Structure formats: C-alpha cells, structure tokens
Amino acid sequence: MTAAGRLAAAAAGYLAAELAVHALVRALRPDFPWLVSRRDLAPEIPAALVERHAARSFDPELGWCRRAGEHGTETTDRGTTSWAVDERGRRRDPRLDGGAAVACFGDSYTFCRLVDDDETWPHLLSRALGVGVANYGVGNYGLDQALLRLERELPTLEADVVVMGVVPETVARVHSYWKHYFEYGNVLAFKPRFTLGPDGLVPHPSAVDDPGGYATYRERLPEITRLDPFHATKFRRDLLDFPYLPRLLRRARRHLPVLAHLLTGIGRGPERRERAVRAAFGVVLRDNARWTARLCADPDARRLLRALVERFAARCRAAGKHPVLLVVPQPVDLERPDGGTAHEEVFAGLRSTLPVVDVTERFRRDPRWRELFTLGRLGPHCGPRGNAVVADALRPVVAPLLSGSTATTTSTRG
C-alpha cells in the first residue's frame, strides 16, 4: 500500500471511530445525562419541566425548597422507604409535636434520604435527648443555601441549638451558581451564591428568581458563567463532542469507565441497565470527590468556607442560639486516596469558631463502614446504622447546650 493509501485508510479508520463514538454517546445519553456535548452549554429547558418544578419545589430566594405536605417513596437496596414533609416544610418526625429544642439545617444527608421518617439521625437524636428535633434539610443544598434557609426561619425558630449538617462536597457546592455546570443535566438548579470581596461575603441572588426566567436565562449567561467557576474548569473539559477521540483521551479517567459501565447495560433488561447506570454514576461521584479534595487545598476556597461558617455562627449567636457544625462523609470521601483527611483538616480549622462534629473518623474506623450507607439510584446516603452513628456523635455535644450552659467552642472529631 502506498503512503497515500495508508494515510487514506488511517483517515477512514479515524472517521469511523469518531462516528462510532458519536452513535454510542447518542444512544447512551437518554439514560445518562452526565454525558454532555456543546449543546448542553446553554440547553433548551422544556416548559413542561419548568411547570412541574414551579409547582413542586421552585423557590425564588433559595433556588428550590421542600413544600409543606410533600411526601413520597424511594427504592433502595433495602427495599422501599417513605418520607413526608410537615406543614412547616420540615421532614415529618413521629416525635415532633409543635416546637423543637434543636433545629437541623443542611443537605440530603440531613434530610436523610433513603430511610423512613423514624430512621433519620434528627429523629434518633430526639430520642436520645428527649427533646423535639426539627429537620429542615433539603436535598443538594450547599452550606450557602442552608444558611439562607436558616436566616429565613430564624425569626420564628424556637430551637436553642442549631445543627448545620454538610457533606465535604459543600466546599464545591458553595461555588456553584448553576448546578448544571457541576452536576451535568441538573438544568433547573439555579441557586444563590456568595463570593468574597474586600469587605467580606458578597451575596449574589439566583439568576432565575421567577419560573419565567428559565425561558430567558440565556440573556444572563455572561453573568452566570462569570459567577460559576465550574463552567470553565470542569464542564467545558468534560464535553463529549467532535472531535471525540482527543476528548476521550484527555479525560480518560472519567469518560472511559463511564462508557464501559453503560455498555454493559445496552440491550439488557431494566435491572441490568439500572446497575450499569449506578456504576457509571459512581465514576461521576468519584470524579466530584477529587474536586472536593482539590478545593480543600485551595486557599481561596477555604477562606470562602470559613466566611460562611462564621456567618452561620454569628447569626445563631445574635439570635440567642448555639451553633453546631456537623460533617458527614459520603462513601467517595472515604475512598479517596487521602481517605478524607483533606476535608478533615479544613473543618478542624473551624473549631475556634464553633463546635464541630466530624464523623469521618468514626465511619473510617468501622470495619464494615460500607454498611453504614444505603444505596439509591442517585448514589448512597446514610442508612439506619449510619444515622445512629451520627446521632451518637452529636448527643454529647448538643446535650450540654440544652442545659442552659453558655455557648462553647468545644468540638469533637466524632
């Protein structure tokens, strides 16, 4: 074969490979929106999707929030679990009747997805302390949104102690302005965020403060991309589009295992496809965990996190309440090469500001730590045994604050 012939064959082979990857990505995307292309830089958001979101969870200040009277079920590896929200937007608790001595704010690890109402750590803490514990957790919140939720509730909050629960990934979540650029496909999740200016925290309201804003959000894209660092540093790097092969190789650590897992579900039954999606999503979670570790080492990210924690503590104390910060690791944090020590060091540095209960070490010491978690379609959350560990770690820290003692900076690593 001549040189020209070899060149033509190579070009044809390359083109065939590009077309094959294009067809593969197109076939897999309906089950896995974390495969993104250039059209996802500013996707069309269907009106019907917006309408459902507006009716169920849209919040002009917070981005999204639980609605009074909500309820539902979730399928887990332990079976079907159920949850409900009371008339004040709190997770229903069989022990809670009216006011509460402790209020818990935070993300889905505070709301306690994938367990029943009587298996959450706020419920178990209530039983251990003998007082009402209110659960204001909302899925996918960062510390910034949970803080704003607390500030909205503070004027009528009866609690003496406020527990702010976060996962280590909150160090990344507080940088998001449109979650889609960190959690690909989450196009409805515009949120407020804070940046640090010369005089401290600078608030930035959500880019979409009315359901009608979803139709016109592209007009604000320059501001959105400026305020969301993941657009440039993460999202654009993970685009899968022509030319595919260089992009696959550049992000092989993410793309290749994702595609390999999803391929095992093609043409198979629903259960096999579900397992394939869960395995691929695990790759995404591990990639996000590396971002957590990276930001924990970033001085600017640490300063922003500290400023938010200091605001949380100051707001609580100004209202006559005791602040406590709770840190609960996700499995990917325990699987990181550093074993979670990067975020432990960051949160340990906040102990001079408020009590910090980080249960990472407790979880790590458990020889069967994976059994502390329950699995769902979109990743794991603490199961009943994990929630019991969290409640047990909080009890000795919260109990003295309920006895009328003054605010303290004592903390525990859990």
Protein backbone atom coordinates (compact mmCIF):
# COMPACT_ATOMS: atom_id res chain seq x y z
CA MET A 1 0.00 0.00 0.00
CA THR A 2 1.31 3.44 -0.89
CA ALA A 3 1.85 6.18 1.66
CA ALA A 4 -1.19 7.97 0.30
CA GLY A 5 -3.20 4.76 0.63
CA ARG A 6 -2.09 4.27 4.22
CA LEU A 7 -2.97 7.86 5.00
CA ALA A 8 -6.41 7.46 3.45
CA ALA A 9 -7.01 4.23 5.39
CA ALA A 10 -5.95 5.88 8.63
CA ALA A 11 -8.25 8.83 7.95
CA ALA A 12 -11.12 6.49 7.16
CA GLY A 13 -10.46 4.50 10.33
CA TYR A 14 -10.35 7.67 12.41
CA LEU A 15 -13.60 8.91 10.87
CA ALA A 16 -15.24 5.55 11.51
CA ALA A 17 -14.13 5.66 15.16
CA GLU A 18 -15.48 9.19 15.53
CA LEU A 19 -18.83 8.15 14.05
CA ALA A 20 -18.96 5.09 16.30
CA VAL A 21 -18.35 7.14 19.45
CA HIS A 22 -20.91 9.71 18.29
CA ALA A 23 -23.53 6.98 17.83
CA LEU A 24 -22.63 5.42 21.18
CA VAL A 25 -22.89 8.67 23.13
CA ARG A 26 -26.18 9.50 21.42
CA ALA A 27 -27.58 6.07 22.36
CA LEU A 28 -26.42 6.24 25.98
CA ARG A 29 -27.34 9.81 26.79
CA PRO A 30 -31.10 9.28 27.41
CA ASP A 31 -30.20 7.07 30.41
CA PHE A 32 -27.20 9.13 31.46
CA PRO A 33 -27.37 12.93 31.11
CA TRP A 34 -23.86 13.27 32.56
CA LEU A 35 -22.61 12.70 29.00
CA VAL A 36 -22.60 16.30 27.79
CA SER A 37 -21.92 17.99 24.45
CA ARG A 38 -21.69 21.58 23.20
CA ARG A 39 -25.46 21.88 23.01
CA ASP A 40 -25.52 21.45 26.79
CA LEU A 41 -23.61 24.69 27.30
CA ALA A 42 -26.95 26.52 27.03
CA PRO A 43 -29.67 23.86 26.68
CA GLU A 44 -33.33 24.45 26.00
CA ILE A 45 -35.28 23.91 29.23
CA PRO A 46 -38.70 22.38 28.43
CA ALA A 47 -41.69 24.42 29.59
CA ALA A 48 -43.42 21.31 30.96
CA LEU A 49 -40.37 20.55 33.12
CA VAL A 50 -40.38 24.12 34.46
CA GLU A 51 -44.09 23.92 35.19
CA ARG A 52 -43.67 20.78 37.29
CA HIS A 53 -40.67 22.29 39.10
CA ALA A 54 -42.58 25.51 39.84
CA ALA A 55 -45.44 23.51 41.33
CA ARG A 56 -43.26 21.20 43.42
CA SER A 57 -40.07 22.87 44.64
CA PHE A 58 -39.09 26.17 42.98
CA ASP A 59 -38.06 28.87 45.45
CA PRO A 60 -37.15 32.39 44.21
CA GLU A 61 -34.69 33.00 47.04
CA LEU A 62 -33.15 29.58 47.65
CA GLY A 63 -33.46 28.01 44.20
CA TRP A 64 -35.54 25.11 45.48
CA CYS A 65 -37.05 24.05 48.79
CA ARG A 66 -39.34 21.43 50.32
CA ARG A 67 -43.05 22.19 50.17
CA ALA A 68 -45.48 21.67 53.05
CA GLY A 69 -47.35 18.41 52.69
CA GLU A 70 -44.88 16.79 50.27
CA HIS A 71 -44.47 13.04 50.55
CA GLY A 72 -43.01 10.22 48.53
CA THR A 73 -41.25 6.87 48.38
CA GLU A 74 -37.79 5.80 47.25
CA THR A 75 -36.42 2.45 46.14
CA THR A 76 -33.21 1.39 47.88
CA ASP A 77 -31.11 -1.73 48.23
CA ARG A 78 -33.01 -2.34 51.49
CA GLY A 79 -36.42 -2.01 49.86
CA THR A 80 -38.88 0.86 49.59
CA THR A 81 -38.70 3.75 52.06
CA SER A 82 -41.09 6.66 52.56
CA TRP A 83 -40.81 10.29 53.64
CA ALA A 84 -43.14 13.20 54.32
CA VAL A 85 -42.88 16.93 54.97
CA ASP A 86 -44.99 18.66 57.62
CA GLU A 87 -46.95 21.89 57.41
CA ARG A 88 -43.84 23.96 58.22
CA GLY A 89 -41.63 22.49 55.50
CA ARG A 90 -39.76 20.16 57.88
CA ARG A 91 -39.35 16.44 57.48
CA ARG A 92 -42.09 14.73 59.41
CA ASP A 93 -40.97 13.20 62.70
CA PRO A 94 -43.17 10.90 64.77
CA ARG A 95 -41.80 12.52 67.95
CA LEU A 96 -42.14 16.14 66.90
CA ASP A 97 -45.26 17.88 68.10
CA GLY A 98 -45.08 21.66 67.70
CA GLY A 99 -41.83 23.37 68.69
CA ALA A 100 -38.36 21.88 68.90
CA ALA A 101 -35.32 22.43 71.12
CA VAL A 102 -32.94 21.55 68.27
CA ALA A 103 -33.23 22.56 64.61
CA CYS A 104 -31.19 20.87 61.88
CA PHE A 105 -30.41 22.51 58.54
CA GLY A 106 -28.39 21.16 55.66
CA ASP A 107 -28.48 18.90 52.62
CA SER A 108 -29.90 15.46 51.80
CA TYR A 109 -27.65 13.85 54.43
CA THR A 110 -29.54 16.00 56.94
CA PHE A 111 -32.93 15.35 55.36
CA CYS A 112 -31.78 11.70 55.39
CA ARG A 113 -32.85 10.34 52.04
CA LEU A 114 -33.36 6.59 51.58
CA VAL A 115 -34.60 5.91 55.12
CA ASP A 116 -38.02 6.15 56.76
CA ASP A 117 -39.09 9.10 58.93
CA ASP A 118 -38.24 7.22 62.15
CA GLU A 119 -34.72 6.25 60.93
CA THR A 120 -33.22 9.74 60.38
CA TRP A 121 -30.45 11.00 62.61
CA PRO A 122 -32.52 14.01 63.79
CA HIS A 123 -35.21 11.55 64.94
CA LEU A 124 -32.63 9.33 66.67
CA LEU A 125 -31.08 12.41 68.29
CA SER A 126 -34.52 13.42 69.51
CA ARG A 127 -34.98 10.04 71.15
CA ALA A 128 -31.53 10.20 72.76
CA LEU A 129 -32.02 13.74 74.14
CA GLY A 130 -35.71 13.52 74.98
CA VAL A 131 -36.49 16.78 73.17
CA GLY A 132 -38.00 17.75 69.83
CA VAL A 133 -35.57 17.95 66.91
CA ALA A 134 -36.79 19.66 63.72
CA ASN A 135 -35.35 18.62 60.34
CA TYR A 136 -35.11 21.43 57.76
CA GLY A 137 -32.73 19.54 55.45
CA VAL A 138 -33.12 19.96 51.68
CA GLY A 139 -31.50 17.76 49.06
CA ASN A 140 -28.44 19.07 47.22
CA TYR A 141 -28.07 22.21 49.32
CA GLY A 142 -24.67 23.68 49.92
CA LEU A 143 -23.80 25.43 53.14
CA ASP A 144 -24.74 28.72 51.46
CA GLN A 145 -28.33 27.71 50.68
CA ALA A 146 -28.80 26.01 54.05
CA LEU A 147 -27.56 29.19 55.73
CA LEU A 148 -30.05 31.32 53.80
CA ARG A 149 -32.83 28.87 54.73
CA LEU A 150 -31.85 29.21 58.39
CA GLU A 151 -31.83 33.00 58.17
CA ARG A 152 -35.33 32.92 56.71
CA GLU A 153 -36.57 30.68 59.52
CA LEU A 154 -34.71 32.41 62.37
CA PRO A 155 -37.41 34.97 63.33
CA THR A 156 -39.81 32.17 64.29
CA LEU A 157 -37.33 29.43 65.19
CA GLU A 158 -37.91 28.13 68.72
CA ALA A 159 -34.81 25.96 68.92
CA ASP A 160 -31.98 26.65 71.37
CA VAL A 161 -29.43 24.69 69.29
CA VAL A 162 -28.96 24.81 65.51
CA VAL A 163 -27.08 21.95 63.83
CA MET A 164 -25.80 22.72 60.35
CA GLY A 165 -25.17 19.42 58.53
CA VAL A 166 -22.93 19.28 55.45
CA VAL A 167 -21.10 16.73 53.36
CA PRO A 168 -17.48 17.53 52.43
CA GLU A 169 -18.61 18.33 48.89
CA THR A 170 -20.14 21.52 50.27
CA VAL A 171 -16.75 23.14 49.63
CA ALA A 172 -17.60 22.72 45.94
CA ARG A 173 -21.36 23.34 46.18
CA VAL A 174 -20.86 26.85 47.55
CA HIS A 175 -19.04 27.76 44.31
CA SER A 176 -21.92 26.72 42.07
CA TYR A 177 -24.27 29.31 40.61
CA TRP A 178 -25.92 26.91 38.14
CA LYS A 179 -25.62 23.31 39.36
CA HIS A 180 -25.76 22.08 35.76
CA TYR A 181 -22.10 23.04 35.37
CA PHE A 182 -21.08 20.73 38.24
CA GLU A 183 -23.90 18.16 38.12
CA TYR A 184 -24.49 17.84 34.41
CA GLY A 185 -28.14 17.76 33.40
CA ASN A 186 -29.42 19.45 36.55
CA VAL A 187 -30.66 22.36 34.43
CA LEU A 188 -33.37 23.56 36.83
CA ALA A 189 -30.95 24.14 39.69
CA PHE A 190 -30.05 27.82 39.59
CA LYS A 191 -29.08 28.94 43.07
CA PRO A 192 -27.79 31.91 45.03
CA ARG A 193 -24.14 32.01 46.00
CA PHE A 194 -21.66 34.17 47.87
CA THR A 195 -18.27 35.42 46.78
CA LEU A 196 -15.62 37.07 48.92
CA GLY A 197 -14.98 40.78 48.47
CA PRO A 198 -12.70 43.24 50.31
CA ASP A 199 -15.36 43.71 52.99
CA GLY A 200 -16.39 40.08 53.36
CA LEU A 201 -19.17 37.99 51.85
CA VAL A 202 -20.94 39.35 48.77
CA PRO A 203 -24.37 37.80 48.07
CA HIS A 204 -25.48 37.01 44.52
CA PRO A 205 -29.20 36.18 44.18
CA SER A 206 -30.20 33.34 41.90
CA ALA A 207 -30.09 34.15 38.19
CA VAL A 208 -33.64 32.75 37.96
CA ASP A 209 -35.91 34.24 40.61
CA ASP A 210 -39.17 33.55 38.77
CA PRO A 211 -40.26 30.46 36.78
CA GLY A 212 -40.49 32.65 33.69
CA GLY A 213 -36.75 33.22 33.94
CA TYR A 214 -35.99 29.72 32.66
CA ALA A 215 -37.14 30.77 29.20
CA THR A 216 -34.81 33.77 29.13
CA TYR A 217 -31.82 32.58 31.17
CA ARG A 218 -29.53 32.73 28.13
CA GLU A 219 -29.69 36.51 28.33
CA ARG A 220 -27.81 36.22 31.63
CA LEU A 221 -25.28 33.61 30.54
CA PRO A 222 -22.29 36.00 30.71
CA GLU A 223 -23.08 36.68 34.38
CA ILE A 224 -23.88 33.03 35.09
CA THR A 225 -20.62 31.76 33.63
CA ARG A 226 -18.64 34.50 35.38
CA LEU A 227 -20.08 33.54 38.77
CA ASP A 228 -19.80 29.78 38.27
CA PRO A 229 -16.16 28.71 38.03
CA PHE A 230 -17.09 25.13 37.07
CA HIS A 231 -18.24 26.28 33.64
CA ALA A 232 -14.66 26.80 32.54
CA THR A 233 -12.72 24.50 34.84
CA LYS A 234 -14.94 21.41 34.79
CA PHE A 235 -17.92 21.43 32.42
CA ARG A 236 -16.13 22.50 29.25
CA ARG A 237 -13.32 20.00 29.90
CA ASP A 238 -15.84 17.14 30.07
CA LEU A 239 -17.69 17.91 26.84
CA LEU A 240 -18.01 14.88 24.57
CA ASP A 241 -18.31 16.23 21.04
CA PHE A 242 -16.40 16.23 17.77
CA PRO A 243 -13.52 15.51 17.77
CA TYR A 244 -14.41 12.75 20.24
CA LEU A 245 -11.19 10.74 20.45
CA PRO A 246 -8.93 13.55 21.75
CA ARG A 247 -11.61 14.45 24.33
CA LEU A 248 -11.92 10.82 25.39
CA LEU A 249 -8.18 10.54 25.89
CA ARG A 250 -7.86 13.89 27.66
CA ARG A 251 -10.48 12.85 30.26
CA ALA A 252 -9.95 9.10 30.02
CA ARG A 253 -10.10 8.71 33.79
CA ARG A 254 -13.73 9.79 33.69
CA HIS A 255 -15.08 9.03 30.23
CA LEU A 256 -13.72 5.54 29.58
CA PRO A 257 -15.05 3.84 32.74
CA VAL A 258 -18.40 5.66 32.38
CA LEU A 259 -18.81 4.36 28.82
CA ALA A 260 -17.61 0.89 29.79
CA HIS A 261 -20.18 0.60 32.58
CA LEU A 262 -23.02 1.92 30.43
CA LEU A 263 -22.14 -0.51 27.62
CA THR A 264 -22.86 -3.44 29.95
CA GLY A 265 -26.50 -2.31 30.12
CA ILE A 266 -27.18 -1.96 26.40
CA GLY A 267 -29.85 -4.37 25.19
CA ARG A 268 -30.31 -5.82 28.67
CA GLY A 269 -33.30 -5.84 30.99
CA PRO A 270 -34.26 -2.95 33.30
CA GLU A 271 -32.35 -4.33 36.29
CA ARG A 272 -29.12 -4.72 34.33
CA ARG A 273 -29.48 -1.22 32.85
CA GLU A 274 -30.11 0.17 36.34
CA ARG A 275 -26.94 -1.47 37.65
CA ALA A 276 -24.99 -0.06 34.72
CA VAL A 277 -26.28 3.47 35.38
CA ARG A 278 -25.45 3.20 39.08
CA ALA A 279 -21.93 2.00 38.32
CA ALA A 280 -21.38 4.84 35.82
CA PHE A 281 -22.76 7.36 38.29
CA GLY A 282 -20.27 6.05 40.84
CA VAL A 283 -17.49 7.15 38.48
CA VAL A 284 -19.04 10.63 38.34
CA LEU A 285 -19.22 10.80 42.15
CA ARG A 286 -15.58 9.78 42.50
CA ASP A 287 -14.59 12.44 39.99
CA ASN A 288 -16.55 15.02 42.00
CA ALA A 289 -14.80 13.83 45.16
CA ARG A 290 -11.47 14.69 43.57
CA TRP A 291 -12.81 18.23 43.13
CA THR A 292 -13.64 18.28 46.84
CA ALA A 293 -10.06 17.33 47.72
CA ARG A 294 -8.68 19.88 45.25
CA LEU A 295 -10.78 22.72 46.66
CA CYS A 296 -9.91 21.75 50.22
CA ALA A 297 -6.31 22.54 49.28
CA ASP A 298 -7.24 25.86 47.65
CA PRO A 299 -6.68 28.86 49.99
CA ASP A 300 -9.45 30.92 48.38
CA ALA A 301 -11.96 28.09 48.68
CA ARG A 302 -11.03 27.59 52.33
CA ARG A 303 -11.48 31.30 53.03
CA LEU A 304 -14.96 31.28 51.46
CA LEU A 305 -15.97 28.25 53.51
CA ARG A 306 -14.69 29.85 56.71
CA ALA A 307 -16.56 33.09 55.99
CA LEU A 308 -19.83 31.17 55.53
CA VAL A 309 -19.30 29.21 58.74
CA GLU A 310 -18.50 32.39 60.63
CA ARG A 311 -21.70 33.97 59.33
CA PHE A 312 -23.66 30.90 60.43
CA ALA A 313 -22.19 31.08 63.93
CA ALA A 314 -22.71 34.85 64.20
CA ARG A 315 -26.35 34.71 63.03
CA CYS A 316 -27.14 31.96 65.53
CA ARG A 317 -25.49 33.71 68.47
CA ALA A 318 -27.13 37.04 67.64
CA ALA A 319 -30.47 35.20 67.89
CA GLY A 320 -29.50 33.62 71.22
CA LYS A 321 -28.90 30.15 69.78
CA HIS A 322 -25.98 27.73 69.91
CA PRO A 323 -24.45 26.77 66.52
CA VAL A 324 -23.02 23.31 65.83
CA LEU A 325 -21.42 22.23 62.55
CA LEU A 326 -21.85 18.58 61.54
CA VAL A 327 -19.76 16.94 58.80
CA VAL A 328 -20.85 13.56 57.39
CA PRO A 329 -18.69 11.89 54.72
CA GLN A 330 -20.03 10.23 51.61
CA PRO A 331 -18.55 6.86 50.60
CA VAL A 332 -16.49 8.57 47.88
CA ASP A 333 -14.80 10.65 50.57
CA LEU A 334 -13.66 7.52 52.39
CA GLU A 335 -12.50 6.01 49.09
CA ARG A 336 -10.32 8.99 48.10
CA PRO A 337 -6.56 8.40 48.16
CA ASP A 338 -6.34 10.73 51.18
CA GLY A 339 -9.15 8.81 52.92
CA GLY A 340 -10.94 12.06 53.69
CA THR A 341 -8.10 13.72 55.58
CA ALA A 342 -8.13 16.78 53.30
CA HIS A 343 -11.60 17.84 54.38
CA GLU A 344 -10.97 16.79 57.98
CA GLU A 345 -8.12 19.29 58.20
CA VAL A 346 -10.28 22.05 56.72
CA PHE A 347 -13.16 21.54 59.11
CA ALA A 348 -10.85 21.02 62.09
CA GLY A 349 -9.55 24.53 61.42
CA LEU A 350 -13.03 25.90 62.16
CA ARG A 351 -13.11 24.67 65.75
CA SER A 352 -12.12 28.05 67.12
CA THR A 353 -15.38 29.42 65.68
CA LEU A 354 -17.96 26.84 66.84
CA PRO A 355 -18.37 23.21 67.89
CA VAL A 356 -17.53 20.88 65.00
CA VAL A 357 -18.67 17.26 64.90
CA ASP A 358 -16.93 15.46 62.04
CA VAL A 359 -17.90 11.77 61.95
CA THR A 360 -15.42 10.89 59.20
CA GLU A 361 -13.04 9.15 61.59
CA ARG A 362 -15.87 7.19 63.21
CA PHE A 363 -17.02 5.99 59.84
CA ARG A 364 -13.47 5.17 58.72
CA ARG A 365 -12.79 3.09 61.84
CA ASP A 366 -15.83 0.90 61.28
CA PRO A 367 -14.59 -2.37 59.71
CA ARG A 368 -17.91 -2.60 57.83
CA TRP A 369 -18.24 1.07 57.02
CA ARG A 370 -20.00 0.41 53.71
CA GLU A 371 -22.91 -0.96 55.70
CA LEU A 372 -23.37 2.49 57.21
CA PHE A 373 -24.86 3.55 53.86
CA THR A 374 -27.95 2.70 51.86
CA LEU A 375 -27.89 2.78 48.06
CA GLY A 376 -30.37 4.52 45.78
CA ARG A 377 -30.40 5.30 42.09
CA LEU A 378 -28.59 8.61 42.53
CA GLY A 379 -25.98 7.40 44.96
CA PRO A 380 -25.73 6.41 48.62
CA HIS A 381 -26.94 8.08 51.80
CA CYS A 382 -26.60 7.07 55.42
CA GLY A 383 -28.73 4.07 56.30
CA PRO A 384 -30.19 3.40 59.75
CA ARG A 385 -26.85 2.30 61.22
CA GLY A 386 -25.00 5.29 59.77
CA ASN A 387 -27.65 7.69 61.09
CA ALA A 388 -27.33 6.06 64.51
CA VAL A 389 -23.58 6.79 64.49
CA VAL A 390 -24.26 10.44 63.60
CA ALA A 391 -26.83 10.85 66.38
CA ASP A 392 -24.48 9.21 68.90
CA ALA A 393 -21.66 11.60 67.94
CA LEU A 394 -23.92 14.66 68.25
CA ARG A 395 -25.56 13.76 71.57
CA PRO A 396 -22.65 14.64 73.93
CA VAL A 397 -22.06 17.94 72.10
CA VAL A 398 -25.68 19.07 71.89
CA ALA A 399 -26.84 17.91 75.34
CA PRO A 400 -24.78 20.46 77.37
CA LEU A 401 -26.03 23.28 75.13
CA LEU A 402 -29.60 22.39 76.05
CA SER A 403 -28.89 22.54 79.78
CA GLY A 404 -28.52 26.33 79.79
CA SER A 405 -24.74 26.41 79.57
CA THR A 406 -23.12 29.26 77.65
CA ALA A 407 -22.02 28.88 74.04
CA THR A 408 -18.80 26.92 73.74
CA THR A 409 -16.15 26.24 71.16
CA THR A 410 -15.64 22.64 72.27
CA SER A 411 -15.68 20.19 69.40
CA THR A 412 -15.23 16.52 68.58
CA ARG A 413 -13.83 14.67 65.60
CA GLY A 414 -16.54 12.05 66.10
